[in-house]
Amino acid sequence: MDRRAVWIGADPGGQDHFGVSELFENGTTRTACVSSAREAAEWIQGTPLGAGIDSPMWWSSAKRGDRKADRWLRCKYGNASPGKVLAINSLYGAVLAQGAMLAVELRRRFPGLSITEAHPGLLLRARGRRLDQSRRFDRLKHCFGVHACSRISDHERDAVLAALAAREGFTGRWTRDLTLERFPEEQDPSAYWLAPMHYWWFE
């Protein structure tokens, strides 16, 4: 096992609210909260196998900026908090701008890096429907062999889950890629300025 090989996860946000994680091949994790995409990229110590980013990684010119992936997720799981699937035009600027900037920074440092969009909040709700909020993360860690402290911040937790999505998707254990079905108004994640981009989901 290459001890330097890691899956990267990120939960973009503002000052001291930008979660970032490294998920090692043995399931251990390393996490932090930083303040920008550049800080997040510079924080990485391992050799990335792939990255998951909790931010819409391709956009739509339709009203509300809605994407087919978002509608499918709302239809399948509902749209209650936590894990609400928001239209792109409803999101805070830091989530959108810092997510895209992190992808650029990562690819500049690690050319050809595979990147997937992730939605940790919805993953927690979808995989722990019968559990209370406090136990969902523990259940997911157990199911996927992840070793992370339960007392980390929500931003760090979401970064760990984004890294998990990258690991599961790029190793072929999750096979649904939500980028493949789109409305005509959407960018093509396989052929636009951040391409290629994926959105791996577990079912």
Protein backbone atom coordinates (compact mmCIF):
# COMPACT_ATOMS: atom_id res chain seq x y z
CA MET A 1 0.00 0.00 0.00
CA ASP A 2 1.26 3.46 -0.92
CA ARG A 3 0.98 5.38 2.35
CA ARG A 4 1.09 8.64 0.43
CA ALA A 5 -1.85 7.78 -1.85
CA VAL A 6 -5.00 9.63 -0.75
CA TRP A 7 -8.50 10.46 -1.85
CA ILE A 8 -9.20 14.18 -1.49
CA GLY A 9 -12.47 15.63 -0.21
CA ALA A 10 -13.59 19.23 0.09
CA ASP A 11 -16.55 21.16 1.47
CA PRO A 12 -16.01 24.68 0.06
CA GLY A 13 -16.98 27.63 2.21
CA GLY A 14 -15.76 30.96 3.52
CA GLN A 15 -13.34 32.06 6.24
CA ASP A 16 -12.37 29.05 8.39
CA HIS A 17 -15.35 27.11 6.96
CA PHE A 18 -13.66 25.35 4.04
CA GLY A 19 -13.45 21.69 5.02
CA VAL A 20 -10.74 19.55 3.45
CA SER A 21 -9.75 15.94 3.99
CA GLU A 22 -7.38 13.20 2.94
CA LEU A 23 -8.75 9.65 2.99
CA PHE A 24 -5.94 7.11 2.96
CA GLU A 25 -6.16 3.69 1.38
CA ASN A 26 -6.34 2.03 4.81
CA GLY A 27 -9.41 4.13 5.73
CA THR A 28 -7.71 6.59 8.06
CA THR A 29 -8.31 10.28 7.54
CA ARG A 30 -6.70 13.66 8.00
CA THR A 31 -8.92 16.77 8.13
CA ALA A 32 -8.82 20.53 8.58
CA CYS A 33 -10.78 23.72 8.06
CA VAL A 34 -9.12 26.41 5.93
CA SER A 35 -10.35 29.61 4.28
CA SER A 36 -9.83 29.32 0.52
CA ALA A 37 -9.31 27.02 -2.44
CA ARG A 38 -5.62 27.83 -2.54
CA GLU A 39 -5.16 27.01 1.15
CA ALA A 40 -7.04 23.75 0.65
CA ALA A 41 -4.84 22.73 -2.28
CA GLU A 42 -1.67 23.69 -0.41
CA TRP A 43 -2.80 21.71 2.66
CA ILE A 44 -2.70 18.42 0.76
CA GLN A 45 0.34 16.28 1.58
CA GLY A 46 -0.42 12.99 -0.13
CA THR A 47 -0.56 11.93 -3.76
CA PRO A 48 -4.22 12.26 -4.83
CA LEU A 49 -5.93 9.32 -6.50
CA GLY A 50 -9.04 11.44 -7.10
CA ALA A 51 -11.07 14.22 -5.49
CA GLY A 52 -14.66 14.85 -4.42
CA ILE A 53 -15.96 18.41 -4.09
CA ASP A 54 -19.23 19.35 -2.36
CA SER A 55 -20.22 21.99 -4.90
CA PRO A 56 -22.10 22.05 -8.22
CA MET A 57 -19.33 21.41 -10.74
CA TRP A 58 -21.28 22.19 -13.90
CA TRP A 59 -24.04 24.72 -14.40
CA SER A 60 -27.26 25.38 -16.27
CA SER A 61 -28.62 28.48 -18.03
CA ALA A 62 -32.22 27.42 -17.32
CA LYS A 63 -34.48 29.25 -14.89
CA ARG A 64 -33.22 28.70 -11.32
CA GLY A 65 -30.13 27.00 -12.77
CA ASP A 66 -31.71 23.61 -12.19
CA ARG A 67 -30.03 20.44 -13.48
CA LYS A 68 -31.47 17.03 -14.28
CA ALA A 69 -29.26 15.45 -11.59
CA ASP A 70 -30.73 17.78 -8.96
CA ARG A 71 -34.29 16.94 -9.98
CA TRP A 72 -33.57 13.21 -9.93
CA LEU A 73 -32.13 13.44 -6.41
CA ARG A 74 -35.10 15.49 -5.15
CA CYS A 75 -37.55 13.05 -6.70
CA LYS A 76 -35.80 10.03 -5.19
CA TYR A 77 -35.13 11.36 -1.68
CA GLY A 78 -37.43 14.36 -1.23
CA ASN A 79 -36.03 17.77 -0.42
CA ALA A 80 -36.11 18.08 3.35
CA SER A 81 -33.23 19.36 5.43
CA PRO A 82 -30.66 18.04 6.14
CA GLY A 83 -29.32 17.15 2.72
CA LYS A 84 -31.53 19.55 0.78
CA VAL A 85 -30.74 19.74 -2.94
CA LEU A 86 -30.78 23.43 -3.84
CA ALA A 87 -31.01 24.97 -7.29
CA ILE A 88 -27.68 26.49 -8.30
CA ASN A 89 -29.08 30.04 -8.33
CA SER A 90 -30.00 29.62 -4.63
CA LEU A 91 -26.48 28.83 -3.39
CA TYR A 92 -24.00 31.14 -1.68
CA GLY A 93 -21.20 32.46 -3.87
CA ALA A 94 -18.40 30.88 -1.81
CA VAL A 95 -19.72 27.38 -2.49
CA LEU A 96 -19.80 27.90 -6.27
CA ALA A 97 -16.70 30.03 -6.75
CA GLN A 98 -14.44 28.18 -4.30
CA GLY A 99 -15.56 24.78 -5.59
CA ALA A 100 -14.62 25.66 -9.16
CA MET A 101 -11.40 27.35 -8.05
CA LEU A 102 -10.39 24.29 -6.04
CA ALA A 103 -10.85 22.10 -9.11
CA VAL A 104 -8.58 24.47 -11.06
CA GLU A 105 -5.97 24.55 -8.27
CA LEU A 106 -5.97 20.76 -7.92
CA ARG A 107 -5.59 20.16 -11.64
CA ARG A 108 -2.79 22.73 -11.80
CA ARG A 109 -0.88 20.85 -9.11
CA PHE A 110 -1.96 17.36 -10.19
CA PRO A 111 -2.61 17.34 -13.96
CA GLY A 112 -5.23 14.85 -15.07
CA LEU A 113 -6.70 14.44 -11.58
CA SER A 114 -10.13 12.76 -11.61
CA ILE A 115 -12.79 14.88 -9.87
CA THR A 116 -16.38 14.18 -8.90
CA GLU A 117 -19.10 16.39 -7.52
CA ALA A 118 -20.40 15.15 -4.16
CA HIS A 119 -23.36 15.84 -1.88
CA PRO A 120 -22.37 14.67 1.63
CA GLY A 121 -25.49 16.01 3.35
CA LEU A 122 -27.80 14.05 1.09
CA LEU A 123 -25.57 10.98 1.31
CA LEU A 124 -25.91 11.04 5.10
CA ARG A 125 -29.68 11.27 4.87
CA ALA A 126 -30.08 8.70 2.08
CA ARG A 127 -27.87 6.06 3.71
CA GLY A 128 -29.21 6.59 7.24
CA ARG A 129 -32.91 7.14 6.79
CA ARG A 130 -33.87 5.24 9.96
CA LEU A 131 -31.16 6.74 12.15
CA ASP A 132 -31.06 10.01 14.04
CA GLN A 133 -28.74 12.72 12.76
CA SER A 134 -25.99 12.08 15.30
CA ARG A 135 -25.62 8.39 14.37
CA ARG A 136 -25.62 8.67 10.58
CA PHE A 137 -21.95 9.54 10.20
CA ASP A 138 -20.91 6.70 12.51
CA ARG A 139 -23.01 4.27 10.45
CA LEU A 140 -21.48 5.45 7.17
CA LYS A 141 -17.96 5.17 8.55
CA HIS A 142 -18.63 1.61 9.65
CA CYS A 143 -20.21 0.60 6.33
CA PHE A 144 -17.37 1.99 4.23
CA GLY A 145 -14.38 1.27 6.47
CA VAL A 146 -13.56 4.90 7.20
CA HIS A 147 -11.79 5.86 10.42
CA ALA A 148 -12.53 9.47 11.34
CA CYS A 149 -13.25 11.17 14.62
CA SER A 150 -16.98 11.74 15.21
CA ARG A 151 -16.21 15.07 16.90
CA ILE A 152 -14.77 16.83 13.84
CA SER A 153 -16.64 19.86 12.49
CA ASP A 154 -19.50 19.44 10.04
CA HIS A 155 -17.27 20.93 7.31
CA GLU A 156 -14.55 18.35 7.95
CA ARG A 157 -17.14 15.55 8.11
CA ASP A 158 -18.56 16.60 4.74
CA ALA A 159 -15.05 16.73 3.28
CA VAL A 160 -14.46 13.14 4.46
CA LEU A 161 -17.70 12.04 2.79
CA ALA A 162 -16.75 13.84 -0.43
CA ALA A 163 -13.45 11.93 -0.42
CA LEU A 164 -15.42 8.73 0.16
CA ALA A 165 -17.60 9.49 -2.89
CA ALA A 166 -14.46 9.94 -4.99
CA ARG A 167 -13.02 6.64 -3.75
CA GLU A 168 -16.20 4.67 -4.34
CA GLY A 169 -16.86 6.19 -7.76
CA PHE A 170 -13.41 6.06 -9.27
CA THR A 171 -12.78 2.51 -8.05
CA GLY A 172 -16.00 1.35 -9.72
CA ARG A 173 -18.00 0.48 -6.62
CA TRP A 174 -20.51 3.24 -7.34
CA THR A 175 -21.56 3.06 -10.98
CA ARG A 176 -24.22 5.77 -11.43
CA ASP A 177 -22.73 8.96 -12.89
CA LEU A 178 -25.29 11.76 -12.66
CA THR A 179 -23.48 13.86 -15.28
CA LEU A 180 -24.65 11.58 -18.09
CA GLU A 181 -28.29 12.75 -18.21
CA ARG A 182 -28.76 16.49 -18.62
CA PHE A 183 -31.22 19.10 -19.84
CA PRO A 184 -30.27 20.96 -23.06
CA GLU A 185 -29.48 24.12 -21.05
CA GLU A 186 -26.75 22.40 -19.02
CA GLN A 187 -23.03 22.46 -19.66
CA ASP A 188 -21.50 19.18 -20.78
CA PRO A 189 -19.19 18.05 -17.95
CA SER A 190 -17.15 16.01 -20.41
CA ALA A 191 -16.42 18.98 -22.69
CA TYR A 192 -16.30 22.34 -20.89
CA TRP A 193 -13.69 24.41 -19.09
CA LEU A 194 -13.49 22.12 -16.03
CA ALA A 195 -13.82 18.88 -17.98
CA PRO A 196 -13.85 16.08 -17.31
CA MET A 197 -16.14 16.09 -14.30
CA HIS A 198 -18.23 13.31 -12.76
CA TYR A 199 -20.99 12.98 -10.15
CA TRP A 200 -20.81 9.48 -8.71
CA TRP A 201 -23.80 8.26 -6.69
CA PHE A 202 -24.37 5.02 -4.84
CA GLU A 203 -27.70 3.96 -6.41
